[in-house]
Protein backbone atom coordinates (compact mmCIF):
# COMPACT_ATOMS: atom_id res chain seq x y z
CA MET A 1 16.10 -26.65 -8.56
CA LYS A 2 14.10 -30.06 -8.90
CA THR A 3 10.74 -30.36 -7.35
CA ALA A 4 12.11 -32.84 -4.85
CA ASP A 5 14.57 -30.38 -3.67
CA ILE A 6 12.06 -27.78 -3.20
CA VAL A 7 9.99 -30.12 -1.05
CA SER A 8 12.60 -31.00 0.98
CA THR A 9 13.64 -27.69 1.56
CA LEU A 10 9.93 -26.55 2.29
CA ALA A 11 9.97 -29.75 4.23
CA GLU A 12 12.61 -28.87 6.45
CA ILE A 13 11.27 -25.37 7.30
CA LEU A 14 8.03 -26.69 8.32
CA LYS A 15 9.63 -29.33 10.51
CA SER A 16 11.94 -26.78 12.22
CA LYS A 17 8.64 -24.26 12.80
CA ASN A 18 6.47 -27.39 13.94
CA TRP A 19 4.00 -26.12 11.19
CA LYS A 20 1.75 -28.19 8.71
CA MET A 21 0.49 -26.76 5.26
CA ALA A 22 -2.64 -27.40 3.33
CA ALA A 23 -2.74 -26.70 -0.62
CA ALA A 24 -5.42 -25.70 -3.08
CA GLU A 25 -5.18 -26.70 -6.53
CA SER A 26 -6.77 -25.74 -9.47
CA CYS A 27 -5.45 -26.14 -13.01
CA THR A 28 -2.43 -28.33 -11.17
CA GLY A 29 -4.93 -30.87 -10.34
CA GLY A 30 -3.19 -32.28 -7.60
CA LEU A 31 0.59 -32.05 -8.92
CA VAL A 32 1.70 -30.05 -5.53
CA CYS A 33 -0.01 -32.61 -3.48
CA ALA A 34 1.55 -35.31 -5.34
CA SER A 35 4.93 -33.88 -5.03
CA LEU A 36 4.63 -33.29 -1.15
CA THR A 37 3.69 -36.93 -0.39
CA GLU A 38 6.73 -38.11 -2.53
CA ILE A 39 8.86 -37.68 0.65
CA ALA A 40 8.05 -40.19 3.22
CA GLY A 41 7.19 -38.83 6.56
CA SER A 42 4.94 -35.63 4.99
CA SER A 43 2.03 -36.29 7.27
CA ASN A 44 4.38 -34.43 9.72
CA TRP A 45 3.95 -31.33 7.94
CA PHE A 46 1.58 -31.60 5.26
CA GLU A 47 -2.39 -31.57 6.47
CA ARG A 48 -4.19 -31.68 3.44
CA GLY A 49 -4.93 -30.83 0.08
CA TYR A 50 -8.05 -29.27 -1.76
CA ILE A 51 -8.46 -30.31 -5.98
CA THR A 52 -10.81 -27.55 -6.75
CA TYR A 53 -10.81 -27.76 -10.43
CA SER A 54 -14.55 -26.11 -10.69
CA ASN A 55 -16.02 -23.14 -9.75
CA GLU A 56 -18.77 -25.37 -7.66
CA ALA A 57 -15.81 -26.90 -5.90
CA LYS A 58 -14.17 -23.69 -5.10
CA ILE A 59 -16.90 -22.47 -3.20
CA GLU A 60 -18.06 -25.83 -1.65
CA CYS A 61 -14.50 -26.65 -0.47
CA LEU A 62 -12.83 -23.55 0.25
CA GLY A 63 -15.51 -20.72 0.65
CA VAL A 64 -14.64 -18.87 -2.23
CA PRO A 65 -17.33 -15.75 -2.43
CA ILE A 66 -19.48 -16.68 -5.87
CA ARG A 67 -19.07 -12.93 -5.98
CA LEU A 68 -15.37 -13.09 -6.79
CA LEU A 69 -15.73 -15.69 -9.45
CA GLU A 70 -18.59 -13.44 -11.11
CA VAL A 71 -16.41 -10.31 -11.04
CA TYR A 72 -12.86 -11.46 -11.48
CA GLY A 73 -12.95 -15.18 -12.95
CA ALA A 74 -11.53 -18.25 -11.70
CA VAL A 75 -8.04 -17.28 -12.84
CA SER A 76 -7.44 -13.83 -10.95
CA GLU A 77 -5.52 -12.73 -7.68
CA GLU A 78 -8.77 -12.46 -5.61
CA VAL A 79 -9.80 -16.10 -6.14
CA ALA A 80 -6.25 -17.19 -5.71
CA LYS A 81 -6.43 -15.42 -2.23
CA ALA A 82 -9.72 -16.58 -1.17
CA MET A 83 -8.62 -20.16 -2.12
CA ALA A 84 -5.25 -19.72 0.04
CA GLU A 85 -7.43 -18.53 2.85
CA GLY A 86 -9.69 -21.16 2.77
CA ALA A 87 -7.34 -23.92 2.45
CA GLN A 88 -5.63 -22.16 5.73
CA VAL A 89 -8.96 -21.85 7.47
CA ASN A 90 -10.72 -25.17 6.72
CA SER A 91 -7.34 -27.08 7.42
CA GLY A 92 -6.18 -25.52 10.44
CA ALA A 93 -2.63 -25.22 8.77
CA ASN A 94 0.04 -22.41 9.51
CA ALA A 95 0.48 -22.37 5.89
CA ALA A 96 -1.48 -22.72 2.57
CA LEU A 97 -0.77 -21.91 -0.72
CA SER A 98 -3.11 -21.96 -4.03
CA ILE A 99 -2.85 -21.93 -7.81
CA THR A 100 -5.22 -21.70 -10.36
CA GLY A 101 -4.76 -20.81 -13.84
CA ILE A 102 -4.83 -21.59 -17.72
CA ALA A 103 -2.78 -24.60 -18.71
CA GLY A 104 -3.58 -24.91 -21.93
CA PRO A 105 -3.65 -25.67 -24.74
CA SER A 106 -7.02 -24.41 -25.20
CA GLY A 107 -9.00 -21.69 -22.59
CA GLY A 108 -6.93 -18.82 -22.75
CA SER A 109 -8.01 -15.11 -23.85
CA THR A 110 -6.14 -11.92 -24.56
CA GLU A 111 -6.57 -10.81 -20.93
CA LYS A 112 -5.84 -13.90 -19.56
CA PRO A 113 -3.58 -15.80 -22.06
CA VAL A 114 -2.84 -19.87 -21.74
CA GLY A 115 0.37 -20.11 -19.36
CA MET A 116 -1.19 -17.46 -16.74
CA VAL A 117 -1.10 -18.65 -13.09
CA CYS A 118 -2.27 -17.25 -10.23
CA PHE A 119 -0.94 -17.76 -6.62
CA GLY A 120 -1.76 -17.24 -3.22
CA TRP A 121 0.14 -18.00 -0.03
CA ALA A 122 -1.72 -17.56 3.33
CA ILE A 123 0.85 -17.85 6.40
CA ARG A 124 -0.41 -17.45 10.04
CA SER A 125 2.54 -16.87 12.66
CA ASP A 126 2.46 -18.70 16.27
CA ALA A 127 1.87 -14.98 17.39
CA GLY A 128 -1.51 -15.30 15.11
CA ASP A 129 -0.67 -12.76 12.67
CA ASN A 130 -1.67 -13.51 9.42
CA ARG A 131 -0.27 -12.51 5.67
CA ILE A 132 -1.90 -13.19 2.47
CA ILE A 133 0.40 -13.05 -0.49
CA THR A 134 -0.63 -12.99 -4.34
CA LYS A 135 1.06 -13.06 -7.85
CA THR A 136 0.49 -13.75 -11.20
CA MET A 137 3.01 -15.51 -13.23
CA ARG A 138 3.11 -16.26 -17.06
CA PHE A 139 4.85 -19.71 -18.22
CA ASP A 140 5.86 -20.98 -21.49
CA GLY A 141 5.50 -24.38 -22.92
CA ASP A 142 2.84 -27.11 -23.38
CA ARG A 143 0.22 -28.03 -20.85
CA GLN A 144 2.21 -30.61 -18.76
CA HIS A 145 5.19 -27.41 -18.34
CA VAL A 146 2.91 -24.97 -17.35
CA ARG A 147 1.32 -27.13 -14.55
CA GLN A 148 5.28 -28.29 -13.42
CA GLN A 149 6.40 -24.78 -13.66
CA ALA A 150 3.70 -23.91 -11.66
CA CYS A 151 4.02 -26.39 -8.81
CA ASP A 152 7.61 -25.59 -8.58
CA PHE A 153 6.89 -22.13 -8.21
CA ALA A 154 4.10 -22.28 -5.98
CA LEU A 155 6.56 -24.69 -3.67
CA SER A 156 9.90 -22.66 -3.94
CA GLU A 157 7.74 -19.34 -3.31
CA LEU A 158 6.48 -20.51 -0.11
CA ALA A 159 9.50 -21.75 1.28
CA LYS A 160 11.03 -18.71 0.62
CA LEU A 161 8.08 -16.65 2.52
CA LEU A 162 8.57 -19.03 5.43
CA GLU A 163 12.27 -18.46 5.58
CA ASN A 164 11.52 -14.78 6.19
């Protein structure tokens, strides 16, 4: 499915619930937010985005505990979870997603290879129940391909989670 189609589907779901979403991005550097705002009227369902590329930005903008960064590293499900929670809380949105990973071509290691991306989704129902889901994926390709695959995956997974 093309990015525009994923965003269209997500927009319809958010509008039907009268919800807004937020995004916290690291390795995608604003690609998610740019994709969301390609659609006219996105201000009806897209609240805001955070591009938190550095650890300092993750701490300052999203409230990611420094201890998580020290213990697990920026590319971890623990940090992705904290990023999604921070985006959700700071924005007041019902739904938030986060992305942190290694797009390459350098920066990878044996434990965290190039193409490894961690995701977080925080979803608060109208009843006030909050669920947070995290997942790690490995994507192939060059830097741009890894970033685009991460963007599409984060958005399509959010749409699936909101449908359930």
